[in-house]
C-alpha atoms as a PDB file:
ATOM      1  CA  MET A   1      -3.869  -5.441 -19.838  1.00  0.00           C
ATOM      2  CA  GLU A   2      -5.585  -2.400 -18.120  1.00  0.00           C
ATOM      3  CA  PRO A   3      -3.602  -1.258 -15.031  1.00  0.00           C
ATOM      4  CA  GLN A   4      -5.387  -1.832 -11.688  1.00  0.00           C
ATOM      5  CA  LEU A   5      -5.439   0.996  -9.180  1.00  0.00           C
ATOM      6  CA  ARG A   6      -5.587   0.291  -5.473  1.00  0.00           C
ATOM      7  CA  ARG A   7      -4.608   1.742  -2.136  1.00  0.00           C
ATOM      8  CA  LEU A   8      -1.341   0.517  -0.945  1.00  0.00           C
ATOM      9  CA  THR A   9      -0.311  -1.090   2.358  1.00  0.00           C
ATOM     10  CA  ILE A  10       3.034  -1.734   4.057  1.00  0.00           C
ATOM     11  CA  GLU A  11       3.079  -5.053   2.279  1.00  0.00           C
ATOM     12  CA  ASP A  12       3.774  -3.107  -0.877  1.00  0.00           C
ATOM     13  CA  TYR A  13       6.850  -1.373   0.604  1.00  0.00           C
ATOM     14  CA  GLU A  14       9.550  -3.222  -1.424  1.00  0.00           C
ATOM     15  CA  GLN A  15       7.733  -2.599  -4.703  1.00  0.00           C
ATOM     16  CA  ILE A  16       7.316   1.059  -3.837  1.00  0.00           C
ATOM     17  CA  ILE A  17      11.104   1.467  -3.230  1.00  0.00           C
ATOM     18  CA  GLU A  18      11.885  -0.498  -6.326  1.00  0.00           C
ATOM     19  CA  LEU A  19       9.583   1.631  -8.451  1.00  0.00           C
ATOM     20  CA  TRP A  20      11.096   4.886  -7.109  1.00  0.00           C
ATOM     21  CA  ALA A  21      14.536   3.536  -7.883  1.00  0.00           C
ATOM     22  CA  VAL A  22      13.873   2.413 -11.448  1.00  0.00           C
ATOM     23  CA  SER A  23      11.967   5.691 -12.055  1.00  0.00           C
ATOM     24  CA  GLY A  24      14.912   7.746 -10.984  1.00  0.00           C
ATOM     25  CA  LEU A  25      13.088   9.264  -8.030  1.00  0.00           C
ATOM     26  CA  PRO A  26      15.370   9.910  -5.182  1.00  0.00           C
ATOM     27  CA  PHE A  27      14.340   8.342  -1.826  1.00  0.00           C
ATOM     28  CA  ARG A  28      15.728   8.094   1.695  1.00  0.00           C
ATOM     29  CA  PRO A  29      15.295   4.474   2.881  1.00  0.00           C
ATOM     30  CA  HIS A  30      17.213   5.194   6.096  1.00  0.00           C
ATOM     31  CA  GLY A  31      15.080   8.199   6.965  1.00  0.00           C
ATOM     32  CA  ARG A  32      11.635   9.438   5.867  1.00  0.00           C
ATOM     33  CA  ASP A  33      11.219   6.546   3.355  1.00  0.00           C
ATOM     34  CA  SER A  34      12.106   3.753   5.901  1.00  0.00           C
ATOM     35  CA  LYS A  35       9.604   1.099   6.368  1.00  0.00           C
ATOM     36  CA  GLU A  36       9.076   2.141   9.985  1.00  0.00           C
ATOM     37  CA  LEU A  37       8.088   5.764   9.046  1.00  0.00           C
ATOM     38  CA  MET A  38       6.133   4.693   6.053  1.00  0.00           C
ATOM     39  CA  VAL A  39       4.000   2.470   8.320  1.00  0.00           C
ATOM     40  CA  LYS A  40       3.226   5.568  10.428  1.00  0.00           C
ATOM     41  CA  GLU A  41       2.335   7.630   7.338  1.00  0.00           C
ATOM     42  CA  MET A  42       0.097   4.923   5.865  1.00  0.00           C
ATOM     43  CA  ASN A  43      -1.757   4.734   9.182  1.00  0.00           C
ATOM     44  CA  PHE A  44      -2.284   8.406   9.283  1.00  0.00           C
ATOM     45  CA  PRO A  45      -5.965   9.266   8.410  1.00  0.00           C
ATOM     46  CA  GLY A  46      -4.928  12.154   6.164  1.00  0.00           C
ATOM     47  CA  ALA A  47      -2.617  10.102   4.021  1.00  0.00           C
ATOM     48  CA  ALA A  48      -3.124   7.560   1.307  1.00  0.00           C
ATOM     49  CA  PHE A  49      -0.676   5.696  -0.921  1.00  0.00           C
ATOM     50  CA  PHE A  50      -1.948   4.630  -4.335  1.00  0.00           C
ATOM     51  CA  GLY A  51      -0.459   2.223  -6.757  1.00  0.00           C
ATOM     52  CA  LEU A  52      -1.169   1.051 -10.384  1.00  0.00           C
ATOM     53  CA  PHE A  53      -0.471  -2.628 -11.155  1.00  0.00           C
ATOM     54  CA  VAL A  54      -0.173  -4.592 -14.371  1.00  0.00           C
ATOM     55  CA  ASP A  55      -0.507  -8.274 -13.276  1.00  0.00           C
ATOM     56  CA  GLU A  56       1.423  -8.207  -9.965  1.00  0.00           C
ATOM     57  CA  GLN A  57       3.949  -5.526 -11.016  1.00  0.00           C
ATOM     58  CA  MET A  58       3.591  -2.059  -9.614  1.00  0.00           C
ATOM     59  CA  VAL A  59       3.948   0.425 -12.505  1.00  0.00           C
ATOM     60  CA  GLY A  60       2.757   3.665 -10.791  1.00  0.00           C
ATOM     61  CA  VAL A  61       2.734   5.079  -7.281  1.00  0.00           C
ATOM     62  CA  CYS A  62       1.955   8.299  -5.447  1.00  0.00           C
ATOM     63  CA  ILE A  63       1.213   9.565  -2.030  1.00  0.00           C
ATOM     64  CA  ALA A  64      -1.709  11.917  -1.214  1.00  0.00           C
ATOM     65  CA  ASN A  65      -1.759  13.622   2.124  1.00  0.00           C
ATOM     66  CA  TYR A  66      -3.744  16.399   3.755  1.00  0.00           C
ATOM     67  CA  ASP A  67      -2.195  18.773   6.352  1.00  0.00           C
ATOM     68  CA  GLY A  68      -5.452  20.329   7.497  1.00  0.00           C
ATOM     69  CA  ARG A  69      -5.107  23.239   5.073  1.00  0.00           C
ATOM     70  CA  ARG A  70      -3.928  21.910   1.750  1.00  0.00           C
ATOM     71  CA  GLY A  71      -3.837  18.572   0.030  1.00  0.00           C
ATOM     72  CA  TRP A  72      -0.564  17.383  -1.332  1.00  0.00           C
ATOM     73  CA  ILE A  73       0.333  14.845  -4.094  1.00  0.00           C
ATOM     74  CA  ASN A  74       3.850  13.610  -3.580  1.00  0.00           C
ATOM     75  CA  ARG A  75       6.288  11.062  -4.805  1.00  0.00           C
ATOM     76  CA  LEU A  76       4.459  10.349  -8.089  1.00  0.00           C
ATOM     77  CA  ALA A  77       6.432   7.862 -10.162  1.00  0.00           C
ATOM     78  CA  ILE A  78       5.611   5.803 -13.282  1.00  0.00           C
ATOM     79  CA  HIS A  79       7.755   2.900 -14.454  1.00  0.00           C
ATOM     80  CA  PRO A  80       9.760   4.066 -17.530  1.00  0.00           C
ATOM     81  CA  ASP A  81       8.271   1.241 -19.618  1.00  0.00           C
ATOM     82  CA  TYR A  82       4.703   2.566 -18.949  1.00  0.00           C
ATOM     83  CA  ARG A  83       5.156   6.230 -19.355  1.00  0.00           C
ATOM     84  CA  GLY A  84       3.159   8.173 -21.916  1.00  0.00           C
ATOM     85  CA  GLN A  85      -0.110   6.225 -21.220  1.00  0.00           C
ATOM     86  CA  ASN A  86      -1.712   8.778 -18.862  1.00  0.00           C
ATOM     87  CA  LEU A  87      -1.196   6.481 -15.925  1.00  0.00           C
ATOM     88  CA  SER A  88      -0.063   9.430 -13.851  1.00  0.00           C
ATOM     89  CA  GLY A  89      -3.420  11.111 -14.620  1.00  0.00           C
ATOM     90  CA  SER A  90      -5.232   8.134 -13.071  1.00  0.00           C
ATOM     91  CA  LEU A  91      -3.090   8.478  -9.840  1.00  0.00           C
ATOM     92  CA  ILE A  92      -3.666  12.251  -9.741  1.00  0.00           C
ATOM     93  CA  GLU A  93      -7.425  11.805 -10.115  1.00  0.00           C
ATOM     94  CA  GLU A  94      -7.572   9.145  -7.318  1.00  0.00           C
ATOM     95  CA  SER A  95      -5.531  11.326  -5.012  1.00  0.00           C
ATOM     96  CA  GLU A  96      -7.804  14.262  -5.691  1.00  0.00           C
ATOM     97  CA  LYS A  97     -10.852  12.168  -4.916  1.00  0.00           C
ATOM     98  CA  PHE A  98      -9.309  11.134  -1.571  1.00  0.00           C
ATOM     99  CA  LEU A  99      -8.078  14.578  -0.712  1.00  0.00           C
ATOM    100  CA  TYR A 100     -11.463  16.323  -1.477  1.00  0.00           C
ATOM    101  CA  SER A 101     -13.288  13.612   0.508  1.00  0.00           C
ATOM    102  CA  ILE A 102     -11.359  14.526   3.705  1.00  0.00           C
ATOM    103  CA  GLY A 103     -11.674  18.304   3.377  1.00  0.00           C
ATOM    104  CA  ALA A 104      -8.964  19.634   1.122  1.00  0.00           C
ATOM    105  CA  HIS A 105      -9.980  22.664  -0.972  1.00  0.00           C
ATOM    106  CA  VAL A 106      -6.565  23.306  -2.567  1.00  0.00           C
ATOM    107  CA  ILE A 107      -4.354  20.573  -3.807  1.00  0.00           C
ATOM    108  CA  CYS A 108      -0.693  21.109  -4.530  1.00  0.00           C
ATOM    109  CA  ALA A 109       2.356  19.289  -5.736  1.00  0.00           C
ATOM    110  CA  LEU A 110       6.018  20.264  -5.373  1.00  0.00           C
ATOM    111  CA  ILE A 111       8.037  19.561  -8.542  1.00  0.00           C
ATOM    112  CA  MET A 112      11.723  20.263  -9.165  1.00  0.00           C
ATOM    113  CA  ASP A 113      12.091  22.901 -12.031  1.00  0.00           C
ATOM    114  CA  ILE A 114      14.073  20.441 -14.136  1.00  0.00           C
ATOM    115  CA  ASN A 115      11.519  17.648 -13.977  1.00  0.00           C
ATOM    116  CA  TYR A 116       9.644  18.599 -17.241  1.00  0.00           C
ATOM    117  CA  PRO A 117       7.647  15.315 -17.547  1.00  0.00           C
ATOM    118  CA  SER A 118       6.099  15.970 -14.117  1.00  0.00           C
ATOM    119  CA  ILE A 119       5.436  19.630 -14.868  1.00  0.00           C
ATOM    120  CA  THR A 120       3.748  18.634 -18.073  1.00  0.00           C
ATOM    121  CA  THR A 121       1.724  15.982 -16.309  1.00  0.00           C
ATOM    122  CA  PHE A 122       0.434  18.371 -13.596  1.00  0.00           C
ATOM    123  CA  ASN A 123      -0.243  21.108 -16.223  1.00  0.00           C
ATOM    124  CA  LYS A 124      -2.269  18.659 -18.261  1.00  0.00           C
ATOM    125  CA  ALA A 125      -4.270  17.789 -15.065  1.00  0.00           C
ATOM    126  CA  GLY A 126      -5.248  21.423 -14.573  1.00  0.00           C
ATOM    127  CA  TYR A 127      -2.552  22.528 -12.099  1.00  0.00           C
ATOM    128  CA  ASN A 128      -0.860  25.914 -12.432  1.00  0.00           C
ATOM    129  CA  GLY A 129       2.761  26.505 -11.643  1.00  0.00           C
ATOM    130  CA  GLU A 130       3.660  29.247  -9.129  1.00  0.00           C
ATOM    131  CA  ASP A 131       7.133  30.287 -10.309  1.00  0.00           C
ATOM    132  CA  GLU A 132       7.600  32.921  -7.572  1.00  0.00           C
ATOM    133  CA  LEU A 133       7.599  30.385  -4.841  1.00  0.00           C
ATOM    134  CA  LYS A 134      10.759  28.966  -3.217  1.00  0.00           C
ATOM    135  CA  TYR A 135      10.804  25.795  -1.198  1.00  0.00           C
ATOM    136  CA  PHE A 136      12.541  25.766   2.199  1.00  0.00           C
ATOM    137  CA  ALA A 137      13.034  22.709   4.462  1.00  0.00           C
ATOM    138  CA  LYS A 138      14.683  22.216   7.817  1.00  0.00           C
ATOM    139  CA  ARG A 139      15.741  18.577   8.374  1.00  0.00           C
ATOM    140  CA  PRO A 140      17.163  16.844  11.408  1.00  0.00           C
ATOM    141  CA  SER A 141      19.334  14.749   9.118  1.00  0.00           C
ATOM    142  CA  ALA A 142      20.076  14.356   5.415  1.00  0.00           C
ATOM    143  CA  ASP A 143      17.803  11.219   5.418  1.00  0.00           C
ATOM    144  CA  MET A 144      14.686  13.008   6.321  1.00  0.00           C
END
């Protein structure tokens, strides 16, 4: 069956968290990935959560957001049983459409240097790595 892509709502929260877990993507359910904070992010006009479904099962997810300067594709995950089918490419394309439609000119993704499948996926989608960049974050707690 062909996966169906749609924009997610907070009703999809449990499936999002379950998919991140089975995919090995770390998440912070008591902080930035809490249901309460995800509701706020989903209601932000510059953010969209996209999911791919086979029947009723979520098999892919990502978040697209725009900070007024750059578009970002975050938290992309594909269920291990569905990898290698270019499903991530569909999520990237949908995220790009959304981000371009609200004014983004540059779209970025942050990927850990050991995450070779994601690096390959974004290279295949036309993204170039910037090896000289370092990521810094200031967090009020470990859950954020």
